[in-house]
Amino acid sequence: MQNASSKSRVALITGGASGLGAAIAQRFARDGMILVIADIDEQACQRATAELAKVGAEVSAVVMDVSSSQSVSRGFAELQQSRDRCDVLVNCAGIAKTYPFLDYPLDHWKKTLDVNVSGALLCSQQAARMMVSQGWGRIINIASVAGMRAVGVGRTA
């Protein structure tokens, strides 16, 4: 159901170019929200924004690597410059690969934590600063079911 106040709300969705992030963006577009699709994949970002624009969404893209504080800062600076607000942040960017537990590469473990955990922190801090100054906001964190149950015997995700 469309909410009159949602028409002026700005939502930034990390990982918004595909998967669950793209589905959330589509739903927000139906609600009339102004969308900012943030994703590390520039081409996917452009495709997603083009698809959303075709259905009448007010949408823009920002290339953002949530594991990089510099990239997150740049992305939110672009948001501040272009929209001057962030009403809703959806932390949906995430990575997961499965390896046998005994062979799980440390570099991938660190990258997974940087994207899935530190990325949500970095984006939430940036969004919260904007939300505090405007007196309103919502932060939504999306997580995998793999955080609650094992993916497979002897495997790590």
Protein backbone atom coordinates (compact mmCIF):
# COMPACT_ATOMS: atom_id res chain seq x y z
CA MET A 1 0.00 0.00 0.00
CA GLN A 2 1.41 3.35 -1.00
CA ASN A 3 2.10 5.77 1.80
CA ALA A 4 1.92 9.49 1.02
CA SER A 5 5.04 10.15 3.08
CA SER A 6 7.01 7.49 1.17
CA LYS A 7 6.97 9.66 -1.98
CA SER A 8 9.62 12.01 -0.61
CA ARG A 9 11.68 9.37 1.21
CA VAL A 10 15.15 8.56 -0.08
CA ALA A 11 16.32 4.96 0.29
CA LEU A 12 19.88 3.75 -0.33
CA ILE A 13 20.11 0.00 -0.90
CA THR A 14 23.53 -1.64 -0.79
CA GLY A 15 23.76 -4.70 -3.01
CA GLY A 16 20.73 -3.22 -4.75
CA ALA A 17 21.69 -4.20 -8.28
CA SER A 18 20.73 -7.88 -7.94
CA GLY A 19 19.07 -10.52 -5.84
CA LEU A 20 17.22 -9.55 -2.70
CA GLY A 21 18.50 -5.97 -2.88
CA ALA A 22 16.97 -5.54 -6.35
CA ALA A 23 13.67 -7.01 -5.13
CA ILE A 24 13.61 -4.56 -2.23
CA ALA A 25 14.33 -1.71 -4.64
CA GLN A 26 11.40 -2.80 -6.82
CA ARG A 27 9.10 -2.83 -3.83
CA PHE A 28 10.27 0.58 -2.64
CA ALA A 29 9.78 1.90 -6.19
CA ARG A 30 6.15 0.71 -6.11
CA ASP A 31 5.77 2.64 -2.87
CA GLY A 32 7.04 5.77 -4.61
CA MET A 33 10.34 6.09 -2.79
CA ILE A 34 13.35 7.83 -4.32
CA LEU A 35 15.99 5.15 -4.78
CA VAL A 36 19.76 5.08 -4.74
CA ILE A 37 21.13 1.73 -5.86
CA ALA A 38 24.59 1.14 -4.37
CA ASP A 39 26.60 -1.78 -5.67
CA ILE A 40 30.21 -2.69 -6.36
CA ASP A 41 29.29 -3.81 -9.90
CA GLU A 42 28.93 -0.64 -12.00
CA GLN A 43 27.34 -2.37 -15.00
CA ALA A 44 24.80 -4.19 -12.84
CA CYS A 45 24.06 -0.89 -11.10
CA GLN A 46 23.36 0.80 -14.42
CA ARG A 47 21.13 -2.08 -15.59
CA ALA A 48 19.16 -2.04 -12.34
CA THR A 49 18.61 1.71 -12.42
CA ALA A 50 17.55 1.55 -16.08
CA GLU A 51 14.99 -1.17 -15.29
CA LEU A 52 13.61 0.79 -12.34
CA ALA A 53 13.46 3.99 -14.38
CA LYS A 54 11.41 2.15 -17.06
CA VAL A 55 8.64 1.63 -14.49
CA GLY A 56 8.73 5.28 -13.48
CA ALA A 57 10.98 5.12 -10.41
CA GLU A 58 13.10 8.10 -9.48
CA VAL A 59 16.41 6.31 -9.19
CA SER A 60 20.15 6.88 -9.33
CA ALA A 61 23.20 4.67 -8.93
CA VAL A 62 26.33 4.91 -6.88
CA VAL A 63 29.23 2.49 -7.25
CA MET A 64 30.19 1.50 -3.73
CA ASP A 65 32.45 -1.15 -2.22
CA VAL A 66 31.02 -1.44 1.29
CA SER A 67 34.24 -3.06 2.52
CA SER A 68 36.13 0.18 1.83
CA SER A 69 35.61 3.11 4.18
CA GLN A 70 36.80 5.47 1.44
CA SER A 71 34.29 4.08 -1.06
CA VAL A 72 31.46 4.27 1.50
CA SER A 73 32.40 7.85 2.39
CA ARG A 74 32.48 8.81 -1.30
CA GLY A 75 29.12 7.15 -1.91
CA PHE A 76 27.42 8.93 0.97
CA ALA A 77 29.04 12.22 -0.03
CA GLU A 78 27.45 11.74 -3.48
CA LEU A 79 24.12 11.03 -1.77
CA GLN A 80 24.47 14.15 0.38
CA GLN A 81 25.29 16.22 -2.71
CA SER A 82 22.52 14.84 -4.92
CA ARG A 83 19.66 14.21 -2.46
CA ASP A 84 20.70 15.96 0.76
CA ARG A 85 19.13 13.18 2.80
CA CYS A 86 18.98 9.48 3.58
CA ASP A 87 15.70 8.32 5.08
CA VAL A 88 16.16 4.58 4.71
CA LEU A 89 19.31 2.48 4.46
CA VAL A 90 19.05 -1.18 3.53
CA ASN A 91 22.30 -3.05 4.18
CA CYS A 92 21.88 -5.89 1.71
CA ALA A 93 25.37 -6.23 0.22
CA GLY A 94 26.90 -9.56 1.10
CA ILE A 95 29.17 -12.30 -0.12
CA ALA A 96 29.35 -16.00 0.66
CA LYS A 97 31.39 -18.85 -0.67
CA THR A 98 31.49 -22.33 0.71
CA TYR A 99 34.72 -24.15 1.33
CA PRO A 100 35.53 -27.23 3.37
CA PHE A 101 36.09 -25.96 6.90
CA LEU A 102 39.69 -27.17 7.12
CA ASP A 103 40.56 -25.46 3.83
CA TYR A 104 38.72 -22.15 4.26
CA PRO A 105 41.09 -19.46 2.91
CA LEU A 106 41.89 -16.77 5.47
CA ASP A 107 41.83 -14.01 2.85
CA HIS A 108 38.25 -14.91 1.91
CA TRP A 109 37.26 -15.08 5.59
CA LYS A 110 38.59 -11.55 6.08
CA LYS A 111 36.85 -10.28 2.92
CA THR A 112 33.56 -11.86 4.04
CA LEU A 113 33.79 -10.08 7.40
CA ASP A 114 34.76 -6.81 5.69
CA VAL A 115 31.74 -6.92 3.37
CA ASN A 116 29.08 -8.60 5.52
CA VAL A 117 29.89 -7.10 8.92
CA SER A 118 32.15 -4.07 8.62
CA GLY A 119 30.31 -2.89 5.49
CA ALA A 120 27.02 -2.76 7.37
CA LEU A 121 28.71 -0.80 10.17
CA LEU A 122 30.35 1.72 7.82
CA CYS A 123 27.15 2.35 5.86
CA SER A 124 25.03 2.52 9.01
CA GLN A 125 27.34 5.12 10.55
CA GLN A 126 27.21 7.29 7.43
CA ALA A 127 23.44 6.98 7.09
CA ALA A 128 22.83 7.56 10.80
CA ARG A 129 24.77 10.83 10.67
CA MET A 130 22.40 12.05 7.97
CA MET A 131 19.36 10.69 9.79
CA VAL A 132 20.28 12.34 13.09
CA SER A 133 20.64 15.72 11.38
CA GLN A 134 17.20 15.36 9.77
CA GLY A 135 15.55 13.87 12.86
CA TRP A 136 14.24 10.67 11.21
CA GLY A 137 15.46 7.51 9.55
CA ARG A 138 15.41 3.74 9.37
CA ILE A 139 18.26 1.25 8.99
CA ILE A 140 17.43 -2.27 7.83
CA ASN A 141 20.09 -4.99 8.03
CA ILE A 142 19.64 -8.11 5.91
CA ALA A 143 21.46 -11.29 6.89
CA SER A 144 21.71 -14.81 5.56
CA VAL A 145 20.09 -17.86 7.06
CA ALA A 146 23.66 -19.24 7.12
CA GLY A 147 24.17 -17.14 10.25
CA MET A 148 21.62 -19.31 12.07
CA ARG A 149 22.30 -22.79 10.72
CA ALA A 150 25.08 -24.76 9.08
CA VAL A 151 25.17 -24.71 5.29
CA GLY A 152 26.47 -28.25 4.97
CA VAL A 153 28.40 -30.85 6.88
CA GLY A 154 32.08 -29.95 7.00
CA ARG A 155 31.53 -26.77 5.01
CA THR A 156 31.83 -23.12 6.02
CA ALA A 157 29.99 -20.17 4.55
